[in-house]
PDB file of N, CA and C in Angstrom:
ATOM      1  N   UNK A   1      31.069  60.195 319.107  1.00  0.00           N
ATOM      2  CA  UNK A   1      30.927  60.301 320.546  1.00  0.00           C
ATOM      3  C   UNK A   1      32.283  59.953 321.162  1.00  0.00           C
ATOM      4  N   UNK A   2      32.732  60.809 322.042  1.00  0.00           N
ATOM      5  CA  UNK A   2      34.086  60.658 322.583  1.00  0.00           C
ATOM      6  C   UNK A   2      34.242  59.391 323.434  1.00  0.00           C
ATOM      7  N   UNK A   3      33.286  59.103 324.285  1.00  0.00           N
ATOM      8  CA  UNK A   3      33.391  57.927 325.151  1.00  0.00           C
ATOM      9  C   UNK A   3      32.058  57.184 325.173  1.00  0.00           C
ATOM     10  N   UNK A   4      31.893  56.266 324.237  1.00  0.00           N
ATOM     11  CA  UNK A   4      30.633  55.526 324.143  1.00  0.00           C
ATOM     12  C   UNK A   4      30.400  54.672 325.389  1.00  0.00           C
ATOM     13  N   UNK A   5      31.485  54.131 325.962  1.00  0.00           N
ATOM     14  CA  UNK A   5      31.354  53.309 327.169  1.00  0.00           C
ATOM     15  C   UNK A   5      30.737  54.106 328.315  1.00  0.00           C
ATOM     16  N   UNK A   6      31.267  55.299 328.557  1.00  0.00           N
ATOM     17  CA  UNK A   6      30.724  56.130 329.628  1.00  0.00           C
ATOM     18  C   UNK A   6      29.326  56.634 329.278  1.00  0.00           C
ATOM     19  N   UNK A   7      29.137  57.016 328.027  1.00  0.00           N
ATOM     20  CA  UNK A   7      27.820  57.507 327.609  1.00  0.00           C
ATOM     21  C   UNK A   7      26.753  56.445 327.829  1.00  0.00           C
ATOM     22  N   UNK A   8      27.037  55.205 327.452  1.00  0.00           N
ATOM     23  CA  UNK A   8      26.073  54.117 327.648  1.00  0.00           C
ATOM     24  C   UNK A   8      25.872  53.802 329.131  1.00  0.00           C
ATOM     25  N   UNK A   9      26.958  53.764 329.876  1.00  0.00           N
ATOM     26  CA  UNK A   9      26.865  53.475 331.311  1.00  0.00           C
ATOM     27  C   UNK A   9      26.073  54.534 332.060  1.00  0.00           C
ATOM     28  N   UNK A  10      26.390  55.794 331.800  1.00  0.00           N
ATOM     29  CA  UNK A  10      25.646  56.873 332.450  1.00  0.00           C
ATOM     30  C   UNK A  10      24.195  56.888 331.985  1.00  0.00           C
ATOM     31  N   UNK A  11      23.977  56.564 330.719  1.00  0.00           N
ATOM     32  CA  UNK A  11      22.605  56.501 330.208  1.00  0.00           C
ATOM     33  C   UNK A  11      21.784  55.447 330.920  1.00  0.00           C
ATOM     34  N   UNK A  12      22.397  54.287 331.161  1.00  0.00           N
ATOM     35  CA  UNK A  12      21.688  53.239 331.895  1.00  0.00           C
ATOM     36  C   UNK A  12      21.392  53.685 333.326  1.00  0.00           C
ATOM     37  N   UNK A  13      22.367  54.299 333.978  1.00  0.00           N
ATOM     38  CA  UNK A  13      22.147  54.789 335.344  1.00  0.00           C
ATOM     39  C   UNK A  13      21.091  55.885 335.389  1.00  0.00           C
ATOM     40  N   UNK A  14      21.025  56.691 334.317  1.00  0.00           N
ATOM     41  CA  UNK A  14      19.990  57.722 334.233  1.00  0.00           C
ATOM     42  C   UNK A  14      18.593  57.118 334.144  1.00  0.00           C
ATOM     43  N   UNK A  15      18.509  55.923 333.648  1.00  0.00           N
ATOM     44  CA  UNK A  15      17.224  55.229 333.653  1.00  0.00           C
ATOM     45  C   UNK A  15      17.018  54.532 334.998  1.00  0.00           C
ATOM     46  N   UNK A  16      18.053  53.839 335.491  1.00  0.00           N
ATOM     47  CA  UNK A  16      17.924  52.990 336.680  1.00  0.00           C
ATOM     48  C   UNK A  16      17.623  53.776 337.958  1.00  0.00           C
ATOM     49  N   UNK A  17      18.356  54.834 338.210  1.00  0.00           N
ATOM     50  CA  UNK A  17      18.173  55.580 339.469  1.00  0.00           C
ATOM     51  C   UNK A  17      16.759  56.142 339.581  1.00  0.00           C
ATOM     52  N   UNK A  18      16.250  56.854 338.568  1.00  0.00           N
ATOM     53  CA  UNK A  18      14.867  57.326 338.673  1.00  0.00           C
ATOM     54  C   UNK A  18      13.853  56.181 338.763  1.00  0.00           C
ATOM     55  N   UNK A  19      14.132  55.058 338.110  1.00  0.00           N
ATOM     56  CA  UNK A  19      13.228  53.910 338.199  1.00  0.00           C
ATOM     57  C   UNK A  19      13.148  53.399 339.635  1.00  0.00           C
ATOM     58  N   UNK A  20      14.286  53.287 340.285  1.00  0.00           N
ATOM     59  CA  UNK A  20      14.307  52.840 341.687  1.00  0.00           C
ATOM     60  C   UNK A  20      13.579  53.845 342.575  1.00  0.00           C
ATOM     61  N   UNK A  21      13.832  55.129 342.362  1.00  0.00           N
ATOM     62  CA  UNK A  21      13.135  56.159 343.141  1.00  0.00           C
ATOM     63  C   UNK A  21      11.628  56.058 342.907  1.00  0.00           C
ATOM     64  N   UNK A  22      11.228  55.861 341.648  1.00  0.00           N
ATOM     65  CA  UNK A  22       9.794  55.747 341.330  1.00  0.00           C
ATOM     66  C   UNK A  22       9.152  54.581 342.069  1.00  0.00           C
ATOM     67  N   UNK A  23       9.859  53.466 342.141  1.00  0.00           N
ATOM     68  CA  UNK A  23       9.330  52.307 342.879  1.00  0.00           C
ATOM     69  C   UNK A  23       9.174  52.659 344.362  1.00  0.00           C
ATOM     70  N   UNK A  24      10.171  53.334 344.907  1.00  0.00           N
ATOM     71  CA  UNK A  24      10.136  53.674 346.336  1.00  0.00           C
ATOM     72  C   UNK A  24       9.027  54.656 346.687  1.00  0.00           C
ATOM     73  N   UNK A  25       8.734  55.585 345.772  1.00  0.00           N
ATOM     74  CA  UNK A  25       7.722  56.596 346.087  1.00  0.00           C
ATOM     75  C   UNK A  25       6.388  56.325 345.389  1.00  0.00           C
ATOM     76  N   UNK A  26       6.241  55.160 344.762  1.00  0.00           N
ATOM     77  CA  UNK A  26       5.017  54.843 344.038  1.00  0.00           C
ATOM     78  C   UNK A  26       3.754  54.969 344.893  1.00  0.00           C
ATOM     79  N   UNK A  27       3.805  54.662 346.195  1.00  0.00           N
ATOM     80  CA  UNK A  27       2.597  54.839 347.011  1.00  0.00           C
ATOM     81  C   UNK A  27       2.019  56.260 346.925  1.00  0.00           C
ATOM     82  N   UNK A  28       2.873  57.253 346.697  1.00  0.00           N
ATOM     83  CA  UNK A  28       2.371  58.626 346.535  1.00  0.00           C
ATOM     84  C   UNK A  28       1.467  58.733 345.311  1.00  0.00           C
ATOM     85  N   UNK A  29       1.829  58.049 344.256  1.00  0.00           N
ATOM     86  CA  UNK A  29       1.025  58.093 343.029  1.00  0.00           C
ATOM     87  C   UNK A  29      -0.296  57.363 343.215  1.00  0.00           C
ATOM     88  N   UNK A  30      -0.252  56.241 343.915  1.00  0.00           N
ATOM     89  CA  UNK A  30      -1.467  55.445 344.123  1.00  0.00           C
ATOM     90  C   UNK A  30      -2.527  56.204 344.905  1.00  0.00           C
ATOM     91  N   UNK A  31      -2.096  57.058 345.835  1.00  0.00           N
ATOM     92  CA  UNK A  31      -3.075  57.817 346.624  1.00  0.00           C
ATOM     93  C   UNK A  31      -3.462  59.126 345.939  1.00  0.00           C
ATOM     94  N   UNK A  32      -2.922  59.359 344.739  1.00  0.00           N
ATOM     95  CA  UNK A  32      -3.303  60.541 343.980  1.00  0.00           C
ATOM     96  C   UNK A  32      -2.573  61.810 344.360  1.00  0.00           C
ATOM     97  N   UNK A  33      -1.500  61.675 345.129  1.00  0.00           N
ATOM     98  CA  UNK A  33      -0.735  62.849 345.531  1.00  0.00           C
ATOM     99  C   UNK A  33       0.051  63.403 344.345  1.00  0.00           C
ATOM    100  N   UNK A  34       0.035  64.712 344.156  1.00  0.00           N
ATOM    101  CA  UNK A  34       0.829  65.299 343.072  1.00  0.00           C
ATOM    102  C   UNK A  34       2.337  65.272 343.357  1.00  0.00           C
ATOM    103  N   UNK A  35       2.720  64.859 344.550  1.00  0.00           N
ATOM    104  CA  UNK A  35       4.137  64.809 344.904  1.00  0.00           C
ATOM    105  C   UNK A  35       4.931  63.895 343.969  1.00  0.00           C
ATOM    106  N   UNK A  36       4.354  62.770 343.569  1.00  0.00           N
ATOM    107  CA  UNK A  36       5.052  61.847 342.667  1.00  0.00           C
ATOM    108  C   UNK A  36       5.430  62.570 341.377  1.00  0.00           C
ATOM    109  N   UNK A  37       4.461  63.280 340.804  1.00  0.00           N
ATOM    110  CA  UNK A  37       4.685  63.979 339.534  1.00  0.00           C
ATOM    111  C   UNK A  37       5.645  65.158 339.697  1.00  0.00           C
ATOM    112  N   UNK A  38       5.844  65.625 340.896  1.00  0.00           N
ATOM    113  CA  UNK A  38       6.802  66.690 341.165  1.00  0.00           C
ATOM    114  C   UNK A  38       8.197  66.121 341.407  1.00  0.00           C
ATOM    115  N   UNK A  39       8.270  65.056 342.167  1.00  0.00           N
ATOM    116  CA  UNK A  39       9.561  64.478 342.546  1.00  0.00           C
ATOM    117  C   UNK A  39      10.293  63.872 341.353  1.00  0.00           C
ATOM    118  N   UNK A  40       9.588  63.167 340.483  1.00  0.00           N
ATOM    119  CA  UNK A  40      10.257  62.444 339.407  1.00  0.00           C
ATOM    120  C   UNK A  40      11.037  63.354 338.450  1.00  0.00           C
ATOM    121  N   UNK A  41      10.491  64.448 337.954  1.00  0.00           N
ATOM    122  CA  UNK A  41      11.317  65.323 337.104  1.00  0.00           C
ATOM    123  C   UNK A  41      12.512  65.926 337.849  1.00  0.00           C
ATOM    124  N   UNK A  42      12.346  66.158 339.149  1.00  0.00           N
ATOM    125  CA  UNK A  42      13.470  66.667 339.936  1.00  0.00           C
ATOM    126  C   UNK A  42      14.586  65.630 340.010  1.00  0.00           C
ATOM    127  N   UNK A  43      14.221  64.369 340.205  1.00  0.00           N
ATOM    128  CA  UNK A  43      15.209  63.288 340.245  1.00  0.00           C
ATOM    129  C   UNK A  43      15.895  63.161 338.890  1.00  0.00           C
ATOM    130  N   UNK A  44      15.113  63.181 337.808  1.00  0.00           N
ATOM    131  CA  UNK A  44      15.688  63.099 336.461  1.00  0.00           C
ATOM    132  C   UNK A  44      16.666  64.241 336.213  1.00  0.00           C
ATOM    133  N   UNK A  45      16.268  65.441 336.575  1.00  0.00           N
ATOM    134  CA  UNK A  45      17.106  66.619 336.352  1.00  0.00           C
ATOM    135  C   UNK A  45      18.393  66.532 337.166  1.00  0.00           C
ATOM    136  N   UNK A  46      18.272  66.189 338.426  1.00  0.00           N
ATOM    137  CA  UNK A  46      19.457  66.077 339.282  1.00  0.00           C
ATOM    138  C   UNK A  46      20.420  65.027 338.739  1.00  0.00           C
ATOM    139  N   UNK A  47      19.902  63.847 338.425  1.00  0.00           N
ATOM    140  CA  UNK A  47      20.758  62.774 337.912  1.00  0.00           C
ATOM    141  C   UNK A  47      21.410  63.176 336.600  1.00  0.00           C
ATOM    142  N   UNK A  48      20.659  63.810 335.728  1.00  0.00           N
ATOM    143  CA  UNK A  48      21.213  64.230 334.445  1.00  0.00           C
ATOM    144  C   UNK A  48      22.316  65.266 334.641  1.00  0.00           C
ATOM    145  N   UNK A  49      22.137  66.170 335.564  1.00  0.00           N
ATOM    146  CA  UNK A  49      23.183  67.159 335.836  1.00  0.00           C
ATOM    147  C   UNK A  49      24.457  66.476 336.331  1.00  0.00           C
ATOM    148  N   UNK A  50      24.312  65.518 337.239  1.00  0.00           N
ATOM    149  CA  UNK A  50      25.476  64.800 337.768  1.00  0.00           C
ATOM    150  C   UNK A  50      26.187  64.047 336.647  1.00  0.00           C
ATOM    151  N   UNK A  51      25.438  63.295 335.840  1.00  0.00           N
ATOM    152  CA  UNK A  51      26.074  62.496 334.802  1.00  0.00           C
ATOM    153  C   UNK A  51      26.592  63.342 333.644  1.00  0.00           C
ATOM    154  N   UNK A  52      25.976  64.474 333.389  1.00  0.00           N
ATOM    155  CA  UNK A  52      26.508  65.398 332.386  1.00  0.00           C
ATOM    156  C   UNK A  52      27.860  65.914 332.848  1.00  0.00           C
ATOM    157  N   UNK A  53      27.937  66.290 334.098  1.00  0.00           N
ATOM    158  CA  UNK A  53      29.214  66.759 334.671  1.00  0.00           C
ATOM    159  C   UNK A  53      30.273  65.666 334.597  1.00  0.00           C
ATOM    160  N   UNK A  54      29.913  64.456 334.999  1.00  0.00           N
ATOM    161  CA  UNK A  54      30.874  63.348 334.956  1.00  0.00           C
ATOM    162  C   UNK A  54      31.323  63.049 333.531  1.00  0.00           C
ATOM    163  N   UNK A  55      30.386  63.064 332.602  1.00  0.00           N
ATOM    164  CA  UNK A  55      30.713  62.733 331.221  1.00  0.00           C
ATOM    165  C   UNK A  55      31.654  63.775 330.605  1.00  0.00           C
ATOM    166  N   UNK A  56      31.399  65.041 330.828  1.00  0.00           N
ATOM    167  CA  UNK A  56      32.170  66.091 330.182  1.00  0.00           C
ATOM    168  C   UNK A  56      33.384  66.554 330.977  1.00  0.00           C
ATOM    169  N   UNK A  57      33.632  66.001 332.149  1.00  0.00           N
ATOM    170  CA  UNK A  57      34.715  66.516 333.000  1.00  0.00           C
ATOM    171  C   UNK A  57      36.096  66.368 332.381  1.00  0.00           C
ATOM    172  N   UNK A  58      36.311  65.369 331.546  1.00  0.00           N
ATOM    173  CA  UNK A  58      37.643  65.172 330.973  1.00  0.00           C
ATOM    174  C   UNK A  58      37.818  65.855 329.611  1.00  0.00           C
ATOM    175  N   UNK A  59      36.792  66.529 329.133  1.00  0.00           N
ATOM    176  CA  UNK A  59      36.869  67.190 327.833  1.00  0.00           C
ATOM    177  C   UNK A  59      37.639  68.502 327.957  1.00  0.00           C
ATOM    178  N   UNK A  60      38.598  68.700 327.074  1.00  0.00           N
ATOM    179  CA  UNK A  60      39.278  69.997 327.071  1.00  0.00           C
ATOM    180  C   UNK A  60      38.446  71.016 326.298  1.00  0.00           C
ATOM    181  N   UNK A  61      37.773  70.564 325.244  1.00  0.00           N
ATOM    182  CA  UNK A  61      36.816  71.398 324.524  1.00  0.00           C
ATOM    183  C   UNK A  61      35.562  70.563 324.289  1.00  0.00           C
ATOM    184  N   UNK A  62      34.455  71.229 324.286  1.00  0.00           N
ATOM    185  CA  UNK A  62      33.196  70.533 324.061  1.00  0.00           C
ATOM    186  C   UNK A  62      32.485  71.138 322.864  1.00  0.00           C
ATOM    187  N   UNK A  63      31.831  70.271 322.123  1.00  0.00           N
ATOM    188  CA  UNK A  63      31.093  70.704 320.944  1.00  0.00           C
ATOM    189  C   UNK A  63      29.609  70.490 321.169  1.00  0.00           C
ATOM    190  N   UNK A  64      28.833  71.362 320.576  1.00  0.00           N
ATOM    191  CA  UNK A  64      27.385  71.240 320.654  1.00  0.00           C
ATOM    192  C   UNK A  64      26.935  69.866 320.154  1.00  0.00           C
ATOM    193  N   UNK A  65      27.597  69.361 319.127  1.00  0.00           N
ATOM    194  CA  UNK A  65      27.217  68.056 318.576  1.00  0.00           C
ATOM    195  C   UNK A  65      27.373  66.943 319.607  1.00  0.00           C
ATOM    196  N   UNK A  66      28.389  67.030 320.458  1.00  0.00           N
ATOM    197  CA  UNK A  66      28.579  66.022 321.505  1.00  0.00           C
ATOM    198  C   UNK A  66      27.455  66.097 322.526  1.00  0.00           C
ATOM    199  N   UNK A  67      27.049  67.294 322.888  1.00  0.00           N
ATOM    200  CA  UNK A  67      25.921  67.464 323.805  1.00  0.00           C
ATOM    201  C   UNK A  67      24.637  66.902 323.220  1.00  0.00           C
ATOM    202  N   UNK A  68      24.405  67.154 321.932  1.00  0.00           N
ATOM    203  CA  UNK A  68      23.218  66.602 321.261  1.00  0.00           C
ATOM    204  C   UNK A  68      23.266  65.081 321.221  1.00  0.00           C
ATOM    205  N   UNK A  69      24.411  64.542 320.836  1.00  0.00           N
ATOM    206  CA  UNK A  69      24.535  63.083 320.720  1.00  0.00           C
ATOM    207  C   UNK A  69      24.301  62.394 322.056  1.00  0.00           C
ATOM    208  N   UNK A  70      24.991  62.852 323.079  1.00  0.00           N
ATOM    209  CA  UNK A  70      24.875  62.170 324.375  1.00  0.00           C
ATOM    210  C   UNK A  70      23.485  62.389 324.972  1.00  0.00           C
ATOM    211  N   UNK A  71      22.928  63.565 324.819  1.00  0.00           N
ATOM    212  CA  UNK A  71      21.586  63.838 325.349  1.00  0.00           C
ATOM    213  C   UNK A  71      20.526  62.964 324.693  1.00  0.00           C
ATOM    214  N   UNK A  72      20.582  62.856 323.366  1.00  0.00           N
ATOM    215  CA  UNK A  72      19.598  62.026 322.684  1.00  0.00           C
ATOM    216  C   UNK A  72      19.879  60.540 322.843  1.00  0.00           C
ATOM    217  N   UNK A  73      21.144  60.166 323.062  1.00  0.00           N
ATOM    218  CA  UNK A  73      21.436  58.773 323.395  1.00  0.00           C
ATOM    219  C   UNK A  73      20.785  58.420 324.727  1.00  0.00           C
ATOM    220  N   UNK A  74      20.941  59.279 325.730  1.00  0.00           N
ATOM    221  CA  UNK A  74      20.338  59.026 327.038  1.00  0.00           C
ATOM    222  C   UNK A  74      18.820  59.014 326.947  1.00  0.00           C
ATOM    223  N   UNK A  75      18.256  59.903 326.171  1.00  0.00           N
ATOM    224  CA  UNK A  75      16.815  59.912 325.912  1.00  0.00           C
ATOM    225  C   UNK A  75      16.394  58.564 325.323  1.00  0.00           C
ATOM    226  N   UNK A  76      17.121  58.108 324.309  1.00  0.00           N
ATOM    227  CA  UNK A  76      16.795  56.850 323.645  1.00  0.00           C
ATOM    228  C   UNK A  76      16.922  55.645 324.557  1.00  0.00           C
ATOM    229  N   UNK A  77      17.971  55.612 325.372  1.00  0.00           N
ATOM    230  CA  UNK A  77      18.160  54.502 326.308  1.00  0.00           C
ATOM    231  C   UNK A  77      16.968  54.392 327.251  1.00  0.00           C
ATOM    232  N   UNK A  78      16.587  55.498 327.844  1.00  0.00           N
ATOM    233  CA  UNK A  78      15.462  55.473 328.793  1.00  0.00           C
ATOM    234  C   UNK A  78      14.157  55.089 328.096  1.00  0.00           C
ATOM    235  N   UNK A  79      13.946  55.623 326.914  1.00  0.00           N
ATOM    236  CA  UNK A  79      12.739  55.280 326.168  1.00  0.00           C
ATOM    237  C   UNK A  79      12.686  53.798 325.825  1.00  0.00           C
ATOM    238  N   UNK A  80      13.777  53.265 325.315  1.00  0.00           N
ATOM    239  CA  UNK A  80      13.802  51.848 324.899  1.00  0.00           C
ATOM    240  C   UNK A  80      13.577  50.926 326.088  1.00  0.00           C
ATOM    241  N   UNK A  81      14.292  51.169 327.181  1.00  0.00           N
ATOM    242  CA  UNK A  81      14.111  50.308 328.364  1.00  0.00           C
ATOM    243  C   UNK A  81      12.684  50.421 328.884  1.00  0.00           C
ATOM    244  N   UNK A  82      12.186  51.643 328.981  1.00  0.00           N
ATOM    245  CA  UNK A  82      10.815  51.846 329.450  1.00  0.00           C
ATOM    246  C   UNK A  82       9.799  51.154 328.543  1.00  0.00           C
ATOM    247  N   UNK A  83       9.974  51.310 327.235  1.00  0.00           N
ATOM    248  CA  UNK A  83       8.995  50.733 326.316  1.00  0.00           C
ATOM    249  C   UNK A  83       8.960  49.214 326.418  1.00  0.00           C
ATOM    250  N   UNK A  84      10.098  48.595 326.667  1.00  0.00           N
ATOM    251  CA  UNK A  84      10.110  47.153 326.903  1.00  0.00           C
ATOM    252  C   UNK A  84       9.301  46.826 328.152  1.00  0.00           C
ATOM    253  N   UNK A  85       9.500  47.620 329.197  1.00  0.00           N
ATOM    254  CA  UNK A  85       8.809  47.357 330.466  1.00  0.00           C
ATOM    255  C   UNK A  85       7.325  47.714 330.413  1.00  0.00           C
ATOM    256  N   UNK A  86       6.981  48.783 329.706  1.00  0.00           N
ATOM    257  CA  UNK A  86       5.605  49.258 329.691  1.00  0.00           C
ATOM    258  C   UNK A  86       4.764  48.676 328.557  1.00  0.00           C
ATOM    259  N   UNK A  87       5.371  47.894 327.692  1.00  0.00           N
ATOM    260  CA  UNK A  87       4.594  47.304 326.599  1.00  0.00           C
ATOM    261  C   UNK A  87       3.952  45.988 327.004  1.00  0.00           C
ATOM    262  N   UNK A  88       4.442  45.378 328.047  1.00  0.00           N
ATOM    263  CA  UNK A  88       3.903  44.094 328.521  1.00  0.00           C
ATOM    264  C   UNK A  88       3.920  44.057 330.044  1.00  0.00           C
ATOM    265  N   UNK A  89       3.320  43.044 330.578  1.00  0.00           N
ATOM    266  CA  UNK A  89       3.380  42.816 332.015  1.00  0.00           C
ATOM    267  C   UNK A  89       2.456  43.702 332.821  1.00  0.00           C
ATOM    268  N   UNK A  90       2.718  43.762 334.120  1.00  0.00           N
ATOM    269  CA  UNK A  90       1.815  44.477 335.027  1.00  0.00           C
ATOM    270  C   UNK A  90       1.816  45.994 334.832  1.00  0.00           C
ATOM    271  N   UNK A  91       2.865  46.526 334.217  1.00  0.00           N
ATOM    272  CA  UNK A  91       2.935  47.975 334.036  1.00  0.00           C
ATOM    273  C   UNK A  91       2.504  48.384 332.624  1.00  0.00           C
ATOM    274  N   UNK A  92       1.793  47.515 331.940  1.00  0.00           N
ATOM    275  CA  UNK A  92       1.411  47.765 330.550  1.00  0.00           C
ATOM    276  C   UNK A  92       0.669  49.095 330.405  1.00  0.00           C
ATOM    277  N   UNK A  93       1.075  49.851 329.375  1.00  0.00           N
ATOM    278  CA  UNK A  93       0.493  51.168 329.134  1.00  0.00           C
ATOM    279  C   UNK A  93       0.522  51.415 327.624  1.00  0.00           C
ATOM    280  N   UNK A  94      -0.560  51.891 327.043  1.00  0.00           N
ATOM    281  CA  UNK A  94      -0.532  52.223 325.608  1.00  0.00           C
ATOM    282  C   UNK A  94       0.565  53.250 325.309  1.00  0.00           C
ATOM    283  N   UNK A  95       1.153  53.151 324.128  1.00  0.00           N
ATOM    284  CA  UNK A  95       2.284  53.999 323.755  1.00  0.00           C
ATOM    285  C   UNK A  95       1.998  55.489 323.916  1.00  0.00           C
ATOM    286  N   UNK A  96       0.883  55.957 323.413  1.00  0.00           N
ATOM    287  CA  UNK A  96       0.578  57.396 323.509  1.00  0.00           C
ATOM    288  C   UNK A  96       0.404  57.845 324.958  1.00  0.00           C
ATOM    289  N   UNK A  97      -0.200  56.988 325.779  1.00  0.00           N
ATOM    290  CA  UNK A  97      -0.326  57.309 327.207  1.00  0.00           C
ATOM    291  C   UNK A  97       1.053  57.358 327.864  1.00  0.00           C
ATOM    292  N   UNK A  98       1.901  56.395 327.498  1.00  0.00           N
ATOM    293  CA  UNK A  98       3.267  56.364 328.037  1.00  0.00           C
ATOM    294  C   UNK A  98       4.011  57.656 327.680  1.00  0.00           C
ATOM    295  N   UNK A  99       3.944  58.044 326.395  1.00  0.00           N
ATOM    296  CA  UNK A  99       4.662  59.242 325.959  1.00  0.00           C
ATOM    297  C   UNK A  99       4.135  60.485 326.681  1.00  0.00           C
ATOM    298  N   UNK A 100       2.833  60.582 326.828  1.00  0.00           N
ATOM    299  CA  UNK A 100       2.242  61.750 327.490  1.00  0.00           C
ATOM    300  C   UNK A 100       2.598  61.792 328.973  1.00  0.00           C
ATOM    301  N   UNK A 101       2.657  60.636 329.615  1.00  0.00           N
ATOM    302  CA  UNK A 101       2.891  60.578 331.059  1.00  0.00           C
ATOM    303  C   UNK A 101       4.370  60.550 331.423  1.00  0.00           C
ATOM    304  N   UNK A 102       5.185  59.862 330.627  1.00  0.00           N
ATOM    305  CA  UNK A 102       6.577  59.622 331.009  1.00  0.00           C
ATOM    306  C   UNK A 102       7.565  60.021 329.910  1.00  0.00           C
ATOM    307  N   UNK A 103       7.343  59.523 328.718  1.00  0.00           N
ATOM    308  CA  UNK A 103       8.327  59.610 327.637  1.00  0.00           C
ATOM    309  C   UNK A 103       8.870  60.992 327.343  1.00  0.00           C
ATOM    310  N   UNK A 104       7.991  61.971 327.210  1.00  0.00           N
ATOM    311  CA  UNK A 104       8.460  63.316 326.874  1.00  0.00           C
ATOM    312  C   UNK A 104       9.283  63.944 327.993  1.00  0.00           C
ATOM    313  N   UNK A 105       9.126  63.465 329.207  1.00  0.00           N
ATOM    314  CA  UNK A 105       9.914  63.986 330.325  1.00  0.00           C
ATOM    315  C   UNK A 105      11.399  63.728 330.112  1.00  0.00           C
ATOM    316  N   UNK A 106      11.727  62.657 329.410  1.00  0.00           N
ATOM    317  CA  UNK A 106      13.130  62.341 329.139  1.00  0.00           C
ATOM    318  C   UNK A 106      13.800  63.354 328.218  1.00  0.00           C
ATOM    319  N   UNK A 107      13.039  64.250 327.622  1.00  0.00           N
ATOM    320  CA  UNK A 107      13.663  65.326 326.836  1.00  0.00           C
ATOM    321  C   UNK A 107      14.474  66.260 327.723  1.00  0.00           C
ATOM    322  N   UNK A 108      14.313  66.119 329.037  1.00  0.00           N
ATOM    323  CA  UNK A 108      15.161  66.839 329.985  1.00  0.00           C
ATOM    324  C   UNK A 108      16.633  66.549 329.676  1.00  0.00           C
ATOM    325  N   UNK A 109      16.939  65.316 329.273  1.00  0.00           N
ATOM    326  CA  UNK A 109      18.338  64.916 329.059  1.00  0.00           C
ATOM    327  C   UNK A 109      19.027  65.740 327.971  1.00  0.00           C
ATOM    328  N   UNK A 110      18.502  65.774 326.735  1.00  0.00           N
ATOM    329  CA  UNK A 110      19.211  66.590 325.739  1.00  0.00           C
ATOM    330  C   UNK A 110      19.160  68.091 326.042  1.00  0.00           C
ATOM    331  N   UNK A 111      18.120  68.539 326.709  1.00  0.00           N
ATOM    332  CA  UNK A 111      18.064  69.956 327.081  1.00  0.00           C
ATOM    333  C   UNK A 111      19.216  70.290 328.028  1.00  0.00           C
ATOM    334  N   UNK A 112      19.455  69.433 329.000  1.00  0.00           N
ATOM    335  CA  UNK A 112      20.531  69.681 329.968  1.00  0.00           C
ATOM    336  C   UNK A 112      21.900  69.518 329.327  1.00  0.00           C
ATOM    337  N   UNK A 113      22.093  68.466 328.530  1.00  0.00           N
ATOM    338  CA  UNK A 113      23.423  68.259 327.944  1.00  0.00           C
ATOM    339  C   UNK A 113      23.774  69.388 326.974  1.00  0.00           C
ATOM    340  N   UNK A 114      22.819  69.791 326.157  1.00  0.00           N
ATOM    341  CA  UNK A 114      23.080  70.885 325.208  1.00  0.00           C
ATOM    342  C   UNK A 114      23.279  72.198 325.959  1.00  0.00           C
ATOM    343  N   UNK A 115      22.460  72.459 326.951  1.00  0.00           N
ATOM    344  CA  UNK A 115      22.616  73.674 327.746  1.00  0.00           C
ATOM    345  C   UNK A 115      23.958  73.716 328.469  1.00  0.00           C
ATOM    346  N   UNK A 116      24.368  72.592 328.994  1.00  0.00           N
ATOM    347  CA  UNK A 116      25.657  72.525 329.695  1.00  0.00           C
ATOM    348  C   UNK A 116      26.813  72.756 328.746  1.00  0.00           C
ATOM    349  N   UNK A 117      26.747  72.160 327.561  1.00  0.00           N
ATOM    350  CA  UNK A 117      27.791  72.364 326.566  1.00  0.00           C
ATOM    351  C   UNK A 117      27.845  73.834 326.163  1.00  0.00           C
ATOM    352  N   UNK A 118      26.701  74.446 326.036  1.00  0.00           N
ATOM    353  CA  UNK A 118      26.636  75.859 325.689  1.00  0.00           C
ATOM    354  C   UNK A 118      27.329  76.703 326.763  1.00  0.00           C
ATOM    355  N   UNK A 119      27.065  76.401 328.002  1.00  0.00           N
ATOM    356  CA  UNK A 119      27.705  77.134 329.110  1.00  0.00           C
ATOM    357  C   UNK A 119      29.199  76.887 329.124  1.00  0.00           C
ATOM    358  N   UNK A 120      29.611  75.620 328.959  1.00  0.00           N
ATOM    359  CA  UNK A 120      31.049  75.306 328.955  1.00  0.00           C
ATOM    360  C   UNK A 120      31.760  75.974 327.791  1.00  0.00           C
ATOM    361  N   UNK A 121      31.125  76.028 326.629  1.00  0.00           N
ATOM    362  CA  UNK A 121      31.732  76.657 325.459  1.00  0.00           C
ATOM    363  C   UNK A 121      31.917  78.151 325.681  1.00  0.00           C
ATOM    364  N   UNK A 122      30.996  78.778 326.384  1.00  0.00           N
ATOM    365  CA  UNK A 122      31.105  80.208 326.666  1.00  0.00           C
ATOM    366  C   UNK A 122      32.256  80.519 327.612  1.00  0.00           C
ATOM    367  N   UNK A 123      32.650  79.552 328.427  1.00  0.00           N
ATOM    368  CA  UNK A 123      33.738  79.758 329.388  1.00  0.00           C
ATOM    369  C   UNK A 123      35.105  79.535 328.763  1.00  0.00           C
ATOM    370  N   UNK A 124      35.141  78.881 327.614  1.00  0.00           N
ATOM    371  CA  UNK A 124      36.433  78.576 326.966  1.00  0.00           C
ATOM    372  C   UNK A 124      37.021  79.785 326.296  1.00  0.00           C
TER     373      UNK A 124
END
């Protein structure tokens, strides 16, 4: 990985920003509005696009392997932090329920990073 410091930092922000948004719009989920389930993937996608751009902006050439590594690192960061939070306390949720409701959504990260690398490679 070319810049582990940036990859880890952006990965943490990719977890933190959507988490803050989720807290702010949580009342939508409590009343059963489908808006929560619509807004959250949009926030994840937008944030991932921004951080993918920031991460790869200094690369003169990009490799598919770098897109895979950073995408799955970001996926792992969000999963690990979430699992710590959702395994205990007031937000406790069984693992399979967590994965079905939240966890698999984080696959947006490697999809975007790999797709972006593919586009950048085609332009080189």
